[in-house]
Amino acid sequence: MIMYNTSIGVAAGAALILVPRYWAWLRNERMPLRLVRAPADHSGWAAAFGVLGLLLTGLGGTMTVTHPLSEAKPYIDTIFGEPALMLGVLLLAAAWRISRSKSALDPERLPEALGPVGVIVFILGLVMTWCTLAIVRFDVISAAPAEEPITGLLHQHPAIENTFFAAVLYGPAALGCLLFPFAARPGSRRSWQVLYWAWTVAGIGFALFSAMNFYTHTGMVVNLTDGSAHRW
């Protein structure tokens, strides 16, 4: 099952963590859980967004045009690969704009600069919302194979992983996208705060879960290859 969900998930999680923090500094917001220092050198942020954008565009694009990438779950191309591709292209555009000129970093001009992007991000939020509903309605994520360590222990309880993906990963990511055009308006502190925490929760969830999958997927391959029975 080649799905690239490990690297895509880590990259998407890192993006969801970094983007609201960079935006917070531009808005002169002092939000909790800052994790990074103020962007004195904006070229570093452009590089970070560019690296993440390249990963998501490349892997998400491959997943989108190669159908079915995974015959076991062909719909993963749609609900995972295509949103990743959209996010990757947006990150590349952000990296290009940040590196091109510092004029876009003026807090006074920020709402105007983010206006067109807000429409795209809002539409991405609609996509993520329907993906969230599909996960819940159609048992899309389901349970990990019994041969997979850690997550395979919940093999008989598919509702747990579906609920986790919907409530912790896709749902908050969708909420942040839907709030983006409203949070970009001047004086929109409340919607901005909800966006900040929604993307923070989704970002940490994506990053930690996908990082763990490097371990669990390796264990699953080992179990399937030589008949081992590693559960942890």
C-alpha atoms as a PDB file:
ATOM      1  CA  MET A   1       0.000   0.000   0.000  1.00  0.00           C
ATOM      2  CA  ILE A   2       2.020   2.941  -1.306  1.00  0.00           C
ATOM      3  CA  MET A   3       0.175   6.093  -0.278  1.00  0.00           C
ATOM      4  CA  TYR A   4       2.910   8.552   0.764  1.00  0.00           C
ATOM      5  CA  ASN A   5       0.708   9.396   3.745  1.00  0.00           C
ATOM      6  CA  THR A   6       3.715   9.445   6.048  1.00  0.00           C
ATOM      7  CA  SER A   7       5.683  12.241   4.369  1.00  0.00           C
ATOM      8  CA  ILE A   8       2.558  14.099   3.216  1.00  0.00           C
ATOM      9  CA  GLY A   9       1.088  14.013   6.703  1.00  0.00           C
ATOM     10  CA  VAL A  10       4.270  15.299   8.339  1.00  0.00           C
ATOM     11  CA  ALA A  11       4.647  18.089   5.769  1.00  0.00           C
ATOM     12  CA  ALA A  12       0.988  19.112   6.030  1.00  0.00           C
ATOM     13  CA  GLY A  13       1.218  19.089   9.811  1.00  0.00           C
ATOM     14  CA  ALA A  14       4.326  21.266   9.792  1.00  0.00           C
ATOM     15  CA  ALA A  15       2.603  23.721   7.431  1.00  0.00           C
ATOM     16  CA  LEU A  16      -0.500  23.938   9.632  1.00  0.00           C
ATOM     17  CA  ILE A  17       1.742  24.657  12.616  1.00  0.00           C
ATOM     18  CA  LEU A  18       3.974  27.242  10.925  1.00  0.00           C
ATOM     19  CA  VAL A  19       1.513  29.252   8.832  1.00  0.00           C
ATOM     20  CA  PRO A  20      -0.615  30.626  11.716  1.00  0.00           C
ATOM     21  CA  ARG A  21       2.529  31.442  13.700  1.00  0.00           C
ATOM     22  CA  TYR A  22       4.040  33.418  10.865  1.00  0.00           C
ATOM     23  CA  TRP A  23       0.704  35.150  10.407  1.00  0.00           C
ATOM     24  CA  ALA A  24       0.536  35.892  14.148  1.00  0.00           C
ATOM     25  CA  TRP A  25       3.862  37.711  14.000  1.00  0.00           C
ATOM     26  CA  LEU A  26       2.711  39.736  11.000  1.00  0.00           C
ATOM     27  CA  ARG A  27      -0.454  40.702  12.879  1.00  0.00           C
ATOM     28  CA  ASN A  28       1.553  41.561  16.003  1.00  0.00           C
ATOM     29  CA  GLU A  29      -0.424  38.938  17.916  1.00  0.00           C
ATOM     30  CA  ARG A  30       1.178  37.353  20.968  1.00  0.00           C
ATOM     31  CA  MET A  31      -0.441  33.941  20.911  1.00  0.00           C
ATOM     32  CA  PRO A  32       0.426  31.064  23.302  1.00  0.00           C
ATOM     33  CA  LEU A  33       2.499  28.110  22.111  1.00  0.00           C
ATOM     34  CA  ARG A  34       4.533  30.275  19.738  1.00  0.00           C
ATOM     35  CA  LEU A  35       7.242  27.613  19.183  1.00  0.00           C
ATOM     36  CA  VAL A  36       9.332  29.924  16.976  1.00  0.00           C
ATOM     37  CA  ARG A  37      10.879  33.360  17.323  1.00  0.00           C
ATOM     38  CA  ALA A  38       9.756  36.500  15.563  1.00  0.00           C
ATOM     39  CA  PRO A  39      10.601  36.415  11.817  1.00  0.00           C
ATOM     40  CA  ALA A  40      13.516  38.863  11.783  1.00  0.00           C
ATOM     41  CA  ASP A  41      14.719  37.179   8.570  1.00  0.00           C
ATOM     42  CA  HIS A  42      11.710  36.422   6.387  1.00  0.00           C
ATOM     43  CA  SER A  43      13.808  34.481   3.885  1.00  0.00           C
ATOM     44  CA  GLY A  44      13.961  31.599   6.365  1.00  0.00           C
ATOM     45  CA  TRP A  45      10.171  31.381   6.374  1.00  0.00           C
ATOM     46  CA  ALA A  46      10.099  31.518   2.594  1.00  0.00           C
ATOM     47  CA  ALA A  47      12.534  28.599   2.507  1.00  0.00           C
ATOM     48  CA  ALA A  48      10.483  26.589   4.999  1.00  0.00           C
ATOM     49  CA  PHE A  49       7.248  27.154   3.087  1.00  0.00           C
ATOM     50  CA  GLY A  50       9.034  26.371  -0.181  1.00  0.00           C
ATOM     51  CA  VAL A  51      10.393  23.040   1.087  1.00  0.00           C
ATOM     52  CA  LEU A  52       7.007  21.992   2.441  1.00  0.00           C
ATOM     53  CA  GLY A  53       5.312  23.191  -0.737  1.00  0.00           C
ATOM     54  CA  LEU A  54       7.636  21.149  -2.932  1.00  0.00           C
ATOM     55  CA  LEU A  55       7.031  18.001  -0.890  1.00  0.00           C
ATOM     56  CA  LEU A  56       3.264  18.396  -0.872  1.00  0.00           C
ATOM     57  CA  THR A  57       3.024  19.411  -4.517  1.00  0.00           C
ATOM     58  CA  GLY A  58       5.250  16.568  -5.675  1.00  0.00           C
ATOM     59  CA  LEU A  59       3.791  13.774  -3.570  1.00  0.00           C
ATOM     60  CA  GLY A  60       0.226  15.085  -3.617  1.00  0.00           C
ATOM     61  CA  GLY A  61       0.453  15.574  -7.382  1.00  0.00           C
ATOM     62  CA  THR A  62       1.737  12.028  -7.884  1.00  0.00           C
ATOM     63  CA  MET A  63      -1.044  10.703  -5.707  1.00  0.00           C
ATOM     64  CA  THR A  64      -3.636  12.730  -7.624  1.00  0.00           C
ATOM     65  CA  VAL A  65      -2.682  11.700 -11.168  1.00  0.00           C
ATOM     66  CA  THR A  66      -1.789   8.070 -10.385  1.00  0.00           C
ATOM     67  CA  HIS A  67      -5.144   6.422  -9.835  1.00  0.00           C
ATOM     68  CA  PRO A  68      -5.566   4.239  -8.037  1.00  0.00           C
ATOM     69  CA  LEU A  69      -2.258   4.738  -6.274  1.00  0.00           C
ATOM     70  CA  SER A  70      -3.346   2.212  -3.660  1.00  0.00           C
ATOM     71  CA  GLU A  71      -5.742  -0.427  -4.929  1.00  0.00           C
ATOM     72  CA  ALA A  72      -6.767  -1.274  -1.381  1.00  0.00           C
ATOM     73  CA  LYS A  73      -8.096   2.256  -0.825  1.00  0.00           C
ATOM     74  CA  PRO A  74      -8.428   4.065  -4.177  1.00  0.00           C
ATOM     75  CA  TYR A  75     -10.472   6.904  -2.639  1.00  0.00           C
ATOM     76  CA  ILE A  76      -7.424   7.974  -0.611  1.00  0.00           C
ATOM     77  CA  ASP A  77      -6.174   9.681  -3.787  1.00  0.00           C
ATOM     78  CA  THR A  78      -9.168  12.020  -3.583  1.00  0.00           C
ATOM     79  CA  ILE A  79      -9.470  12.836   0.113  1.00  0.00           C
ATOM     80  CA  PHE A  80      -5.749  12.853   0.914  1.00  0.00           C
ATOM     81  CA  GLY A  81      -3.701  13.462  -2.215  1.00  0.00           C
ATOM     82  CA  GLU A  82      -5.747  16.230  -3.818  1.00  0.00           C
ATOM     83  CA  PRO A  83      -6.027  18.496  -0.724  1.00  0.00           C
ATOM     84  CA  ALA A  84      -2.289  17.974  -0.178  1.00  0.00           C
ATOM     85  CA  LEU A  85      -1.627  19.116  -3.743  1.00  0.00           C
ATOM     86  CA  MET A  86      -3.741  22.243  -3.231  1.00  0.00           C
ATOM     87  CA  LEU A  87      -1.949  23.049   0.028  1.00  0.00           C
ATOM     88  CA  GLY A  88       1.442  22.497  -1.603  1.00  0.00           C
ATOM     89  CA  VAL A  89       0.750  24.930  -4.433  1.00  0.00           C
ATOM     90  CA  LEU A  90      -0.488  27.561  -1.954  1.00  0.00           C
ATOM     91  CA  LEU A  91       2.691  27.163   0.085  1.00  0.00           C
ATOM     92  CA  LEU A  92       4.847  27.565  -3.015  1.00  0.00           C
ATOM     93  CA  ALA A  93       2.971  30.751  -3.883  1.00  0.00           C
ATOM     94  CA  ALA A  94       3.459  32.045  -0.336  1.00  0.00           C
ATOM     95  CA  ALA A  95       7.172  31.225  -0.433  1.00  0.00           C
ATOM     96  CA  TRP A  96       7.552  33.052  -3.746  1.00  0.00           C
ATOM     97  CA  ARG A  97       5.681  36.123  -2.511  1.00  0.00           C
ATOM     98  CA  ILE A  98       7.589  36.349   0.775  1.00  0.00           C
ATOM     99  CA  SER A  99      10.953  36.015  -0.938  1.00  0.00           C
ATOM    100  CA  ARG A 100      10.059  38.419  -3.744  1.00  0.00           C
ATOM    101  CA  SER A 101       9.445  41.540  -1.699  1.00  0.00           C
ATOM    102  CA  LYS A 102       8.997  42.669   1.859  1.00  0.00           C
ATOM    103  CA  SER A 103       6.147  44.974   0.892  1.00  0.00           C
ATOM    104  CA  ALA A 104       3.631  42.181   1.504  1.00  0.00           C
ATOM    105  CA  LEU A 105       4.868  41.931   5.085  1.00  0.00           C
ATOM    106  CA  ASP A 106       3.398  45.303   6.029  1.00  0.00           C
ATOM    107  CA  PRO A 107       0.660  44.563   8.618  1.00  0.00           C
ATOM    108  CA  GLU A 108      -1.422  47.428   7.265  1.00  0.00           C
ATOM    109  CA  ARG A 109      -1.507  45.915   3.777  1.00  0.00           C
ATOM    110  CA  LEU A 110      -1.849  42.322   4.909  1.00  0.00           C
ATOM    111  CA  PRO A 111      -5.684  42.081   4.729  1.00  0.00           C
ATOM    112  CA  GLU A 112      -5.645  43.479   1.199  1.00  0.00           C
ATOM    113  CA  ALA A 113      -2.887  41.092   0.127  1.00  0.00           C
ATOM    114  CA  LEU A 114      -4.679  38.051   1.562  1.00  0.00           C
ATOM    115  CA  GLY A 115      -8.051  38.860  -0.009  1.00  0.00           C
ATOM    116  CA  PRO A 116      -7.743  36.732  -3.191  1.00  0.00           C
ATOM    117  CA  VAL A 117      -5.977  33.933  -1.314  1.00  0.00           C
ATOM    118  CA  GLY A 118      -8.814  33.891   1.201  1.00  0.00           C
ATOM    119  CA  VAL A 119     -11.248  32.794  -1.502  1.00  0.00           C
ATOM    120  CA  ILE A 120      -9.029  29.863  -2.474  1.00  0.00           C
ATOM    121  CA  VAL A 121      -8.427  28.810   1.123  1.00  0.00           C
ATOM    122  CA  PHE A 122     -12.166  29.046   1.871  1.00  0.00           C
ATOM    123  CA  ILE A 123     -12.904  26.732  -1.069  1.00  0.00           C
ATOM    124  CA  LEU A 124     -10.227  24.367   0.228  1.00  0.00           C
ATOM    125  CA  GLY A 125     -12.112  24.494   3.526  1.00  0.00           C
ATOM    126  CA  LEU A 126     -15.256  23.330   1.716  1.00  0.00           C
ATOM    127  CA  VAL A 127     -13.251  20.463   0.219  1.00  0.00           C
ATOM    128  CA  MET A 128     -11.905  19.505   3.641  1.00  0.00           C
ATOM    129  CA  THR A 129     -15.386  19.708   5.156  1.00  0.00           C
ATOM    130  CA  TRP A 130     -16.774  17.247   2.651  1.00  0.00           C
ATOM    131  CA  CYS A 131     -13.725  15.019   3.165  1.00  0.00           C
ATOM    132  CA  THR A 132     -14.464  15.060   6.895  1.00  0.00           C
ATOM    133  CA  LEU A 133     -18.077  14.053   6.269  1.00  0.00           C
ATOM    134  CA  ALA A 134     -16.948  11.299   3.876  1.00  0.00           C
ATOM    135  CA  ILE A 135     -14.610   9.888   6.524  1.00  0.00           C
ATOM    136  CA  VAL A 136     -17.470   9.647   9.021  1.00  0.00           C
ATOM    137  CA  ARG A 137     -20.158   8.495   6.595  1.00  0.00           C
ATOM    138  CA  PHE A 138     -18.283   5.959   4.500  1.00  0.00           C
ATOM    139  CA  ASP A 139     -15.743   4.501   6.965  1.00  0.00           C
ATOM    140  CA  VAL A 140     -12.966   5.861   4.748  1.00  0.00           C
ATOM    141  CA  ILE A 141     -10.036   5.612   7.150  1.00  0.00           C
ATOM    142  CA  SER A 142     -11.347   2.504   8.877  1.00  0.00           C
ATOM    143  CA  ALA A 143      -9.020   0.550  11.162  1.00  0.00           C
ATOM    144  CA  ALA A 144      -5.352  -0.196  10.612  1.00  0.00           C
ATOM    145  CA  PRO A 145      -4.513  -3.753   9.518  1.00  0.00           C
ATOM    146  CA  ALA A 146      -4.129  -6.196  12.383  1.00  0.00           C
ATOM    147  CA  GLU A 147      -0.482  -6.683  11.346  1.00  0.00           C
ATOM    148  CA  GLU A 148       0.360  -3.022  12.004  1.00  0.00           C
ATOM    149  CA  PRO A 149       1.952  -2.364  15.417  1.00  0.00           C
ATOM    150  CA  ILE A 150       0.224   0.055  17.831  1.00  0.00           C
ATOM    151  CA  THR A 151      -2.649   1.233  15.603  1.00  0.00           C
ATOM    152  CA  GLY A 152      -3.394  -2.374  14.627  1.00  0.00           C
ATOM    153  CA  LEU A 153      -4.449  -2.999  18.220  1.00  0.00           C
ATOM    154  CA  LEU A 154      -7.630  -1.090  17.345  1.00  0.00           C
ATOM    155  CA  HIS A 155      -8.274  -3.238  14.278  1.00  0.00           C
ATOM    156  CA  GLN A 156     -11.690  -4.304  15.599  1.00  0.00           C
ATOM    157  CA  HIS A 157     -12.729  -0.707  16.317  1.00  0.00           C
ATOM    158  CA  PRO A 158     -12.671   1.286  13.045  1.00  0.00           C
ATOM    159  CA  ALA A 159     -14.861   4.042  14.517  1.00  0.00           C
ATOM    160  CA  ILE A 160     -11.979   5.175  16.748  1.00  0.00           C
ATOM    161  CA  GLU A 161      -9.594   6.005  13.903  1.00  0.00           C
ATOM    162  CA  ASN A 162     -12.364   7.489  11.767  1.00  0.00           C
ATOM    163  CA  THR A 163     -13.423   9.738  14.651  1.00  0.00           C
ATOM    164  CA  PHE A 164      -9.810  10.758  15.311  1.00  0.00           C
ATOM    165  CA  PHE A 165      -9.255  11.767  11.684  1.00  0.00           C
ATOM    166  CA  ALA A 166     -12.540  13.647  11.495  1.00  0.00           C
ATOM    167  CA  ALA A 167     -12.446  15.405  14.884  1.00  0.00           C
ATOM    168  CA  VAL A 168      -8.716  16.063  15.332  1.00  0.00           C
ATOM    169  CA  LEU A 169      -7.226  16.263  11.824  1.00  0.00           C
ATOM    170  CA  TYR A 170      -9.632  17.043   8.976  1.00  0.00           C
ATOM    171  CA  GLY A 171     -12.338  18.852  10.949  1.00  0.00           C
ATOM    172  CA  PRO A 172     -10.115  21.500  12.583  1.00  0.00           C
ATOM    173  CA  ALA A 173      -8.151  21.968   9.347  1.00  0.00           C
ATOM    174  CA  ALA A 174     -11.427  22.587   7.510  1.00  0.00           C
ATOM    175  CA  LEU A 175     -12.633  25.026  10.186  1.00  0.00           C
ATOM    176  CA  GLY A 176      -9.445  27.078   9.927  1.00  0.00           C
ATOM    177  CA  CYS A 177      -9.741  27.256   6.135  1.00  0.00           C
ATOM    178  CA  LEU A 178     -13.369  28.366   6.316  1.00  0.00           C
ATOM    179  CA  LEU A 179     -12.455  31.109   8.790  1.00  0.00           C
ATOM    180  CA  PHE A 180      -9.451  32.316   6.777  1.00  0.00           C
ATOM    181  CA  PRO A 181     -11.164  35.125   4.788  1.00  0.00           C
ATOM    182  CA  PHE A 182     -12.858  36.393   7.953  1.00  0.00           C
ATOM    183  CA  ALA A 183      -9.682  36.188  10.033  1.00  0.00           C
ATOM    184  CA  ALA A 184      -7.855  38.227   7.368  1.00  0.00           C
ATOM    185  CA  ARG A 185     -10.119  41.218   7.923  1.00  0.00           C
ATOM    186  CA  PRO A 186      -8.903  44.061  10.160  1.00  0.00           C
ATOM    187  CA  GLY A 187      -9.970  43.710  13.786  1.00  0.00           C
ATOM    188  CA  SER A 188     -11.067  40.088  13.390  1.00  0.00           C
ATOM    189  CA  ARG A 189      -9.413  38.828  16.549  1.00  0.00           C
ATOM    190  CA  ARG A 190     -11.964  36.197  17.564  1.00  0.00           C
ATOM    191  CA  SER A 191     -12.087  34.388  14.206  1.00  0.00           C
ATOM    192  CA  TRP A 192      -8.308  34.706  14.033  1.00  0.00           C
ATOM    193  CA  GLN A 193      -7.894  33.006  17.427  1.00  0.00           C
ATOM    194  CA  VAL A 194     -10.188  30.137  16.438  1.00  0.00           C
ATOM    195  CA  LEU A 195      -8.219  29.691  13.198  1.00  0.00           C
ATOM    196  CA  TYR A 196      -4.919  29.747  15.093  1.00  0.00           C
ATOM    197  CA  TRP A 197      -5.957  26.975  17.457  1.00  0.00           C
ATOM    198  CA  ALA A 198      -7.823  24.935  14.855  1.00  0.00           C
ATOM    199  CA  TRP A 199      -4.767  24.748  12.613  1.00  0.00           C
ATOM    200  CA  THR A 200      -2.499  24.199  15.615  1.00  0.00           C
ATOM    201  CA  VAL A 201      -4.528  21.192  16.763  1.00  0.00           C
ATOM    202  CA  ALA A 202      -4.736  19.745  13.251  1.00  0.00           C
ATOM    203  CA  GLY A 203      -1.060  20.449  12.569  1.00  0.00           C
ATOM    204  CA  ILE A 204       0.193  18.780  15.736  1.00  0.00           C
ATOM    205  CA  GLY A 205      -2.155  15.858  15.137  1.00  0.00           C
ATOM    206  CA  PHE A 206      -1.049  15.348  11.535  1.00  0.00           C
ATOM    207  CA  ALA A 207       2.643  15.703  12.396  1.00  0.00           C
ATOM    208  CA  LEU A 208       2.649  13.331  15.391  1.00  0.00           C
ATOM    209  CA  PHE A 209       0.397  10.688  13.846  1.00  0.00           C
ATOM    210  CA  SER A 210       2.217  10.665  10.512  1.00  0.00           C
ATOM    211  CA  ALA A 211       5.619  10.579  12.198  1.00  0.00           C
ATOM    212  CA  MET A 212       4.466   7.550  14.207  1.00  0.00           C
ATOM    213  CA  ASN A 213       3.433   5.865  10.961  1.00  0.00           C
ATOM    214  CA  PHE A 214       7.075   5.653   9.910  1.00  0.00           C
ATOM    215  CA  TYR A 215       7.421   3.183  12.798  1.00  0.00           C
ATOM    216  CA  THR A 216       4.075   1.401  12.494  1.00  0.00           C
ATOM    217  CA  HIS A 217       4.218   0.993   8.709  1.00  0.00           C
ATOM    218  CA  THR A 218       7.727  -0.433   8.966  1.00  0.00           C
ATOM    219  CA  GLY A 219       6.510  -2.887  11.591  1.00  0.00           C
ATOM    220  CA  MET A 220       3.570  -3.867   9.402  1.00  0.00           C
ATOM    221  CA  VAL A 221       5.870  -4.655   6.460  1.00  0.00           C
ATOM    222  CA  VAL A 222       8.113  -6.706   8.748  1.00  0.00           C
ATOM    223  CA  ASN A 223       5.122  -8.625  10.108  1.00  0.00           C
ATOM    224  CA  LEU A 224       3.790  -9.326   6.620  1.00  0.00           C
ATOM    225  CA  THR A 225       7.210 -10.247   5.217  1.00  0.00           C
ATOM    226  CA  ASP A 226       8.584 -12.737   7.733  1.00  0.00           C
ATOM    227  CA  GLY A 227       5.507 -13.648   9.737  1.00  0.00           C
ATOM    228  CA  SER A 228       6.523 -11.771  12.851  1.00  0.00           C
ATOM    229  CA  ALA A 229       3.856 -10.718  15.321  1.00  0.00           C
ATOM    230  CA  HIS A 230       5.084  -7.397  16.638  1.00  0.00           C
ATOM    231  CA  ARG A 231       2.186  -5.607  18.284  1.00  0.00           C
ATOM    232  CA  TRP A 232       4.174  -2.617  19.599  1.00  0.00           C
END
